[in-house]
Each structure stands twice: as structure tokens, then as C-alpha cells.
């Protein structure tokens, strides 16, 4: 069974690599991969598609800064955050606002698995953990 899972992961990674154009996820290439899968139906198609989808979602998350905020956030701030993250990660990063009233004030920025905390709620949590 383990070899079946390995084959699924290997095939999903191969499809993922085909989805990149010059190291960047390409909607056209993803569409081409999905058309190929629909026509040729590999063994364990659903499992392959789920593994492929996880890889695509992770790559998409790596290129997007989710800016959680309690108050209003303007486009200039989002552009500044996107530019800073693009410099930091050395790849294009877009920024999207996501309201989060539990923050009280400040921001939390997530890029992929990385989180940058600059909120009152985060500072209070750090204080509580230190006590």
C-alpha cells in the first residue's frame, strides 16, 4: 500500500512541476494538466487529484500575504506589505485583506506557513505565555 501512496505523490508532484512556467504557477498549465488527467484517467485518479490540489494550494499560499486586521486597511498599506514581502521572499507576493475582529488592533500577516504578528491580541498572548 505504501508504494501506491508513493506513486500517487510522485505523479502529483510531476503534474505540479508541469504546472509551473519559469518557476511560477501558470493557470494555463494547470488547465492543461487537468485536461490531460480528464482524458487519460490515471490509476487512483481522485487520490492523485487531491494530492495535486494540495500542492497547488500550498504554492498559491506561498505567493499571497493574507493581512488579517481589526480596523480598516487601505490599498496603500496592502501595496506596501506586498512590496516588503516580495523583497523578503524574492518572489512576487500579492496582499489581500481579511478582517479579523479578534485582533483588537494591529495586523497579522501570513505568507504560506510564515506568520508575522503585530497585533494587540498577539502581544497579549505572548505576555500570557511568558507569565
N, C-alpha and C. Protein backbone atom coordinates (compact mmCIF):
# COMPACT_ATOMS: atom_id res chain seq x y z
N UNK A 1 0.82 -1.20 0.00
CA UNK A 1 0.00 0.00 0.00
C UNK A 1 0.86 1.26 0.00
N UNK A 2 2.00 1.20 0.71
CA UNK A 2 2.86 2.38 0.78
C UNK A 2 3.39 2.76 -0.59
N UNK A 3 3.69 1.75 -1.43
CA UNK A 3 4.19 2.07 -2.77
C UNK A 3 3.11 2.75 -3.59
N UNK A 4 1.84 2.40 -3.37
CA UNK A 4 0.74 3.06 -4.07
C UNK A 4 0.66 4.53 -3.69
N UNK A 5 0.84 4.82 -2.39
CA UNK A 5 0.82 6.21 -1.93
C UNK A 5 2.00 6.97 -2.50
N UNK A 6 3.15 6.31 -2.56
CA UNK A 6 4.34 6.95 -3.13
C UNK A 6 4.13 7.28 -4.60
N UNK A 7 3.51 6.36 -5.32
CA UNK A 7 3.24 6.59 -6.75
C UNK A 7 2.27 7.74 -6.94
N UNK A 8 1.28 7.82 -6.08
CA UNK A 8 0.30 8.91 -6.15
C UNK A 8 1.01 10.24 -5.93
N UNK A 9 1.85 10.31 -4.88
CA UNK A 9 2.58 11.54 -4.57
C UNK A 9 3.55 11.90 -5.69
N UNK A 10 4.22 10.91 -6.24
CA UNK A 10 5.17 11.15 -7.33
C UNK A 10 4.45 11.71 -8.55
N UNK A 11 3.33 11.11 -8.92
CA UNK A 11 2.56 11.58 -10.07
C UNK A 11 2.03 12.99 -9.83
N UNK A 12 1.53 13.26 -8.61
CA UNK A 12 1.03 14.59 -8.27
C UNK A 12 2.15 15.62 -8.37
N UNK A 13 3.36 15.28 -7.89
CA UNK A 13 4.50 16.20 -7.98
C UNK A 13 4.90 16.44 -9.43
N UNK A 14 4.83 15.40 -10.26
CA UNK A 14 5.15 15.57 -11.69
C UNK A 14 4.14 16.51 -12.34
N UNK A 15 2.87 16.32 -12.05
CA UNK A 15 1.84 17.23 -12.58
C UNK A 15 2.07 18.65 -12.08
N UNK A 16 2.46 18.77 -10.80
CA UNK A 16 2.72 20.09 -10.24
C UNK A 16 3.88 20.78 -10.98
N UNK A 17 4.94 20.07 -11.22
CA UNK A 17 6.09 20.64 -11.94
C UNK A 17 5.68 21.10 -13.34
N UNK A 18 4.79 20.34 -13.98
CA UNK A 18 4.30 20.73 -15.30
C UNK A 18 3.42 21.98 -15.22
N UNK A 19 2.92 22.30 -14.03
CA UNK A 19 2.04 23.45 -13.84
C UNK A 19 2.80 24.76 -13.67
N UNK A 20 4.12 24.67 -13.56
CA UNK A 20 4.95 25.85 -13.37
C UNK A 20 5.52 26.32 -14.69
N UNK A 21 5.56 27.64 -14.84
CA UNK A 21 6.17 28.26 -16.01
C UNK A 21 7.22 29.23 -15.48
N UNK A 22 8.46 28.92 -15.72
CA UNK A 22 9.58 29.71 -15.20
C UNK A 22 9.49 29.84 -13.68
N UNK A 23 9.12 28.75 -13.02
CA UNK A 23 9.06 28.72 -11.57
C UNK A 23 7.81 29.32 -10.95
N UNK A 24 6.88 29.77 -11.79
CA UNK A 24 5.66 30.42 -11.30
C UNK A 24 4.45 29.60 -11.75
N UNK A 25 3.50 29.43 -10.84
CA UNK A 25 2.28 28.69 -11.15
C UNK A 25 1.55 29.36 -12.31
N UNK A 26 1.18 28.57 -13.31
CA UNK A 26 0.51 29.09 -14.51
C UNK A 26 -0.89 28.50 -14.61
N UNK A 27 -1.89 29.38 -14.66
CA UNK A 27 -3.28 28.93 -14.78
C UNK A 27 -3.47 28.11 -16.06
N UNK A 28 -2.83 28.53 -17.14
CA UNK A 28 -2.96 27.81 -18.41
C UNK A 28 -2.37 26.41 -18.28
N UNK A 29 -1.24 26.30 -17.62
CA UNK A 29 -0.62 24.98 -17.47
C UNK A 29 -1.43 24.08 -16.54
N UNK A 30 -1.99 24.66 -15.47
CA UNK A 30 -2.84 23.88 -14.58
C UNK A 30 -4.03 23.35 -15.37
N UNK A 31 -4.62 24.21 -16.20
CA UNK A 31 -5.74 23.77 -17.06
C UNK A 31 -5.32 22.64 -17.98
N UNK A 32 -4.13 22.74 -18.54
CA UNK A 32 -3.63 21.67 -19.42
C UNK A 32 -3.43 20.36 -18.67
N UNK A 33 -2.91 20.44 -17.46
CA UNK A 33 -2.72 19.23 -16.65
C UNK A 33 -4.08 18.60 -16.34
N UNK A 34 -5.05 19.42 -15.96
CA UNK A 34 -6.38 18.89 -15.64
C UNK A 34 -7.04 18.27 -16.86
N UNK A 35 -6.85 18.87 -18.04
CA UNK A 35 -7.38 18.27 -19.27
C UNK A 35 -6.73 16.92 -19.52
N UNK A 36 -5.43 16.85 -19.33
CA UNK A 36 -4.70 15.59 -19.53
C UNK A 36 -5.23 14.51 -18.59
N UNK A 37 -5.41 14.87 -17.32
CA UNK A 37 -5.92 13.91 -16.34
C UNK A 37 -7.32 13.45 -16.72
N UNK A 38 -8.15 14.37 -17.18
CA UNK A 38 -9.52 14.00 -17.57
C UNK A 38 -9.53 13.04 -18.76
N UNK A 39 -8.60 13.24 -19.70
CA UNK A 39 -8.55 12.37 -20.88
C UNK A 39 -7.90 11.02 -20.60
N UNK A 40 -6.89 11.00 -19.74
CA UNK A 40 -6.10 9.78 -19.57
C UNK A 40 -6.35 9.04 -18.25
N UNK A 41 -7.10 9.61 -17.35
CA UNK A 41 -7.55 8.98 -16.09
C UNK A 41 -6.51 8.03 -15.50
N UNK A 42 -5.51 8.56 -14.78
CA UNK A 42 -4.51 7.68 -14.17
C UNK A 42 -5.14 6.82 -13.08
N UNK A 43 -4.44 5.77 -12.68
CA UNK A 43 -4.90 4.94 -11.57
C UNK A 43 -5.04 5.83 -10.34
N UNK A 44 -6.04 5.56 -9.52
CA UNK A 44 -6.29 6.36 -8.31
C UNK A 44 -6.46 7.84 -8.64
N UNK A 45 -7.26 8.12 -9.64
CA UNK A 45 -7.42 9.49 -10.13
C UNK A 45 -7.80 10.47 -9.02
N UNK A 46 -8.75 10.11 -8.17
CA UNK A 46 -9.20 11.02 -7.12
C UNK A 46 -8.06 11.31 -6.15
N UNK A 47 -7.32 10.29 -5.76
CA UNK A 47 -6.20 10.49 -4.83
C UNK A 47 -5.12 11.36 -5.47
N UNK A 48 -4.85 11.15 -6.75
CA UNK A 48 -3.85 11.96 -7.46
C UNK A 48 -4.32 13.41 -7.51
N UNK A 49 -5.59 13.63 -7.82
CA UNK A 49 -6.13 14.99 -7.88
C UNK A 49 -6.08 15.67 -6.52
N UNK A 50 -6.38 14.94 -5.45
CA UNK A 50 -6.32 15.53 -4.11
C UNK A 50 -4.88 15.92 -3.76
N UNK A 51 -3.92 15.07 -4.06
CA UNK A 51 -2.52 15.38 -3.78
C UNK A 51 -2.06 16.56 -4.63
N UNK A 52 -2.46 16.59 -5.88
CA UNK A 52 -2.13 17.70 -6.79
C UNK A 52 -2.74 19.00 -6.28
N UNK A 53 -3.99 18.94 -5.83
CA UNK A 53 -4.67 20.12 -5.32
C UNK A 53 -3.95 20.67 -4.09
N UNK A 54 -3.48 19.80 -3.20
CA UNK A 54 -2.75 20.26 -2.01
C UNK A 54 -1.46 20.98 -2.42
N UNK A 55 -0.76 20.46 -3.42
CA UNK A 55 0.47 21.10 -3.88
C UNK A 55 0.17 22.48 -4.50
N UNK A 56 -0.89 22.55 -5.28
CA UNK A 56 -1.28 23.82 -5.91
C UNK A 56 -1.68 24.83 -4.83
N UNK A 57 -2.47 24.40 -3.85
CA UNK A 57 -2.92 25.30 -2.78
C UNK A 57 -1.73 25.82 -1.97
N UNK A 58 -0.77 24.95 -1.68
CA UNK A 58 0.41 25.37 -0.92
C UNK A 58 1.22 26.38 -1.72
N UNK A 59 1.37 26.15 -3.01
CA UNK A 59 2.12 27.08 -3.86
C UNK A 59 1.40 28.41 -3.96
N UNK A 60 0.10 28.37 -4.09
CA UNK A 60 -0.70 29.59 -4.16
C UNK A 60 -0.54 30.39 -2.87
N UNK A 61 -0.58 29.71 -1.72
CA UNK A 61 -0.44 30.38 -0.43
C UNK A 61 0.94 31.02 -0.28
N UNK A 62 1.96 30.42 -0.89
CA UNK A 62 3.31 30.98 -0.82
C UNK A 62 3.42 32.32 -1.56
N UNK A 63 2.50 32.59 -2.46
CA UNK A 63 2.54 33.82 -3.25
C UNK A 63 1.55 34.87 -2.80
N UNK A 64 0.95 34.65 -1.63
CA UNK A 64 -0.07 35.58 -1.17
C UNK A 64 0.13 35.91 0.30
N UNK A 65 0.15 37.19 0.61
CA UNK A 65 0.20 37.64 2.00
C UNK A 65 -1.22 37.93 2.45
N UNK A 66 -1.71 37.16 3.39
CA UNK A 66 -3.05 37.39 3.94
C UNK A 66 -2.88 38.33 5.13
N UNK A 67 -3.43 39.53 5.01
CA UNK A 67 -3.28 40.56 6.03
C UNK A 67 -4.56 40.59 6.87
N UNK A 68 -4.48 39.99 8.05
CA UNK A 68 -5.62 40.00 8.97
C UNK A 68 -5.58 41.32 9.73
N UNK A 69 -6.75 41.93 9.89
CA UNK A 69 -6.81 43.24 10.53
C UNK A 69 -8.11 43.40 11.30
N UNK A 70 -8.06 44.26 12.32
CA UNK A 70 -9.27 44.54 13.11
C UNK A 70 -9.99 45.76 12.56
N UNK A 71 -9.24 46.78 12.15
CA UNK A 71 -9.83 48.01 11.62
C UNK A 71 -9.70 48.06 10.12
N UNK A 72 -9.84 49.24 9.60
CA UNK A 72 -9.76 49.42 8.15
C UNK A 72 -8.31 49.33 7.67
N UNK A 73 -8.14 48.76 6.48
CA UNK A 73 -6.83 48.67 5.84
C UNK A 73 -6.98 49.23 4.43
N UNK A 74 -6.13 50.21 4.08
CA UNK A 74 -6.26 50.80 2.75
C UNK A 74 -5.34 50.12 1.74
N UNK A 75 -5.57 50.41 0.49
CA UNK A 75 -4.82 49.79 -0.60
C UNK A 75 -3.33 50.13 -0.55
N UNK A 76 -3.00 51.34 -0.08
CA UNK A 76 -1.59 51.74 0.02
C UNK A 76 -0.85 50.84 1.00
N UNK A 77 -1.48 50.53 2.14
CA UNK A 77 -0.85 49.65 3.12
C UNK A 77 -0.67 48.25 2.54
N UNK A 78 -1.69 47.75 1.85
CA UNK A 78 -1.58 46.43 1.23
C UNK A 78 -0.45 46.40 0.20
N UNK A 79 -0.32 47.47 -0.58
CA UNK A 79 0.75 47.55 -1.58
C UNK A 79 2.12 47.57 -0.90
N UNK A 80 2.23 48.30 0.22
CA UNK A 80 3.49 48.37 0.96
C UNK A 80 3.85 46.99 1.52
N UNK A 81 2.88 46.29 2.08
CA UNK A 81 3.12 44.94 2.61
C UNK A 81 3.52 44.00 1.49
N UNK A 82 2.82 44.07 0.36
CA UNK A 82 3.14 43.20 -0.79
C UNK A 82 4.57 43.46 -1.26
N UNK A 83 4.96 44.72 -1.35
CA UNK A 83 6.32 45.06 -1.79
C UNK A 83 7.37 44.55 -0.81
N UNK A 84 7.10 44.71 0.49
CA UNK A 84 8.05 44.24 1.52
C UNK A 84 8.19 42.72 1.48
N UNK A 85 7.08 42.03 1.33
CA UNK A 85 7.13 40.56 1.29
C UNK A 85 7.78 40.07 -0.01
N UNK A 86 7.55 40.78 -1.09
CA UNK A 86 8.19 40.43 -2.37
C UNK A 86 9.71 40.54 -2.22
N UNK A 87 10.18 41.60 -1.57
CA UNK A 87 11.62 41.75 -1.34
C UNK A 87 12.14 40.65 -0.42
N UNK A 88 11.42 40.39 0.66
CA UNK A 88 11.86 39.40 1.64
C UNK A 88 11.96 38.00 1.05
N UNK A 89 10.94 37.59 0.29
CA UNK A 89 10.88 36.22 -0.24
C UNK A 89 11.51 36.10 -1.63
N UNK A 90 11.83 37.23 -2.25
CA UNK A 90 12.44 37.25 -3.58
C UNK A 90 11.59 36.54 -4.63
N UNK A 91 10.28 36.75 -4.50
CA UNK A 91 9.31 36.26 -5.49
C UNK A 91 8.09 37.15 -5.39
N UNK A 92 7.28 37.20 -6.44
CA UNK A 92 6.09 38.07 -6.39
C UNK A 92 5.11 37.62 -5.30
N UNK A 93 4.72 38.55 -4.45
CA UNK A 93 3.74 38.30 -3.39
C UNK A 93 2.64 39.34 -3.52
N UNK A 94 1.40 38.89 -3.55
CA UNK A 94 0.27 39.81 -3.54
C UNK A 94 -0.28 39.86 -2.12
N UNK A 95 -0.97 40.93 -1.78
CA UNK A 95 -1.53 41.07 -0.43
C UNK A 95 -3.04 41.19 -0.53
N UNK A 96 -3.73 40.46 0.34
CA UNK A 96 -5.19 40.54 0.42
C UNK A 96 -5.59 40.78 1.87
N UNK A 97 -6.60 41.61 2.05
CA UNK A 97 -7.09 41.94 3.39
C UNK A 97 -8.11 40.92 3.84
N UNK A 98 -8.05 40.58 5.12
CA UNK A 98 -9.02 39.65 5.71
C UNK A 98 -9.38 40.18 7.11
N UNK A 99 -10.60 40.70 7.28
CA UNK A 99 -11.00 41.22 8.59
C UNK A 99 -10.95 40.14 9.66
N UNK A 100 -10.45 40.52 10.85
CA UNK A 100 -10.40 39.61 11.99
C UNK A 100 -10.60 40.43 13.26
N UNK A 101 -11.86 40.59 13.70
CA UNK A 101 -12.15 41.43 14.86
C UNK A 101 -11.51 40.94 16.16
N UNK A 102 -11.09 39.69 16.23
CA UNK A 102 -10.46 39.17 17.45
C UNK A 102 -9.06 39.74 17.68
N UNK A 103 -8.50 40.45 16.69
CA UNK A 103 -7.17 41.02 16.85
C UNK A 103 -7.16 42.27 17.74
N UNK A 104 -8.28 42.90 17.96
CA UNK A 104 -8.43 44.14 18.73
C UNK A 104 -7.83 45.32 17.97
N UNK A 105 -6.54 45.27 17.66
CA UNK A 105 -5.87 46.33 16.89
C UNK A 105 -4.60 45.72 16.30
N UNK A 106 -4.10 46.33 15.25
CA UNK A 106 -2.87 45.84 14.64
C UNK A 106 -3.13 44.90 13.48
N UNK A 107 -2.07 44.19 13.10
CA UNK A 107 -2.13 43.31 11.92
C UNK A 107 -1.48 41.96 12.22
N UNK A 108 -1.89 40.97 11.46
CA UNK A 108 -1.22 39.68 11.40
C UNK A 108 -1.10 39.36 9.91
N UNK A 109 0.12 39.08 9.47
CA UNK A 109 0.36 38.79 8.06
C UNK A 109 0.84 37.35 7.93
N UNK A 110 0.17 36.58 7.07
CA UNK A 110 0.55 35.20 6.82
C UNK A 110 0.95 35.02 5.36
N UNK A 111 2.13 34.46 5.16
CA UNK A 111 2.61 34.10 3.83
C UNK A 111 2.97 32.62 3.90
N UNK A 112 2.16 31.80 3.26
CA UNK A 112 2.39 30.35 3.37
C UNK A 112 2.29 29.92 4.81
N UNK A 113 3.35 29.30 5.34
CA UNK A 113 3.38 28.85 6.72
C UNK A 113 3.95 29.89 7.68
N UNK A 114 4.44 31.01 7.16
CA UNK A 114 5.05 32.04 8.00
C UNK A 114 4.00 33.04 8.47
N UNK A 115 4.09 33.42 9.75
CA UNK A 115 3.17 34.41 10.31
C UNK A 115 3.97 35.53 10.95
N UNK A 116 3.58 36.76 10.64
CA UNK A 116 4.20 37.96 11.23
C UNK A 116 3.13 38.64 12.05
N UNK A 117 3.37 38.73 13.34
CA UNK A 117 2.37 39.21 14.28
C UNK A 117 2.71 40.63 14.72
N UNK A 118 1.76 41.53 14.56
CA UNK A 118 1.90 42.91 15.02
C UNK A 118 0.55 43.37 15.54
N UNK A 119 -0.09 42.50 16.32
CA UNK A 119 -1.42 42.84 16.81
C UNK A 119 -1.41 42.88 18.33
N UNK A 120 -2.37 43.58 18.89
CA UNK A 120 -2.51 43.65 20.34
C UNK A 120 -2.82 42.25 20.88
N UNK A 121 -3.68 41.51 20.21
CA UNK A 121 -4.03 40.16 20.66
C UNK A 121 -2.79 39.28 20.70
N UNK A 122 -1.93 39.40 19.70
CA UNK A 122 -0.69 38.61 19.66
C UNK A 122 0.25 38.99 20.78
N UNK A 123 0.38 40.29 21.05
CA UNK A 123 1.24 40.76 22.14
C UNK A 123 0.71 40.30 23.50
N UNK A 124 -0.62 40.33 23.68
CA UNK A 124 -1.21 39.85 24.93
C UNK A 124 -0.98 38.34 25.10
N UNK A 125 -1.09 37.60 24.00
CA UNK A 125 -0.85 36.15 24.06
C UNK A 125 0.60 35.86 24.44
N UNK A 126 1.55 36.65 23.90
CA UNK A 126 2.95 36.46 24.24
C UNK A 126 3.18 36.77 25.73
N UNK A 127 2.56 37.82 26.23
CA UNK A 127 2.68 38.15 27.64
C UNK A 127 2.11 37.05 28.53
N UNK A 128 0.96 36.52 28.15
CA UNK A 128 0.33 35.45 28.92
C UNK A 128 1.20 34.20 28.93
N UNK A 129 1.84 33.90 27.79
CA UNK A 129 2.70 32.72 27.70
C UNK A 129 3.97 32.89 28.53
N UNK A 130 4.44 34.14 28.67
CA UNK A 130 5.67 34.41 29.41
C UNK A 130 5.44 34.34 30.93
N UNK A 131 4.22 34.51 31.37
CA UNK A 131 3.93 34.53 32.82
C UNK A 131 3.83 33.15 33.38
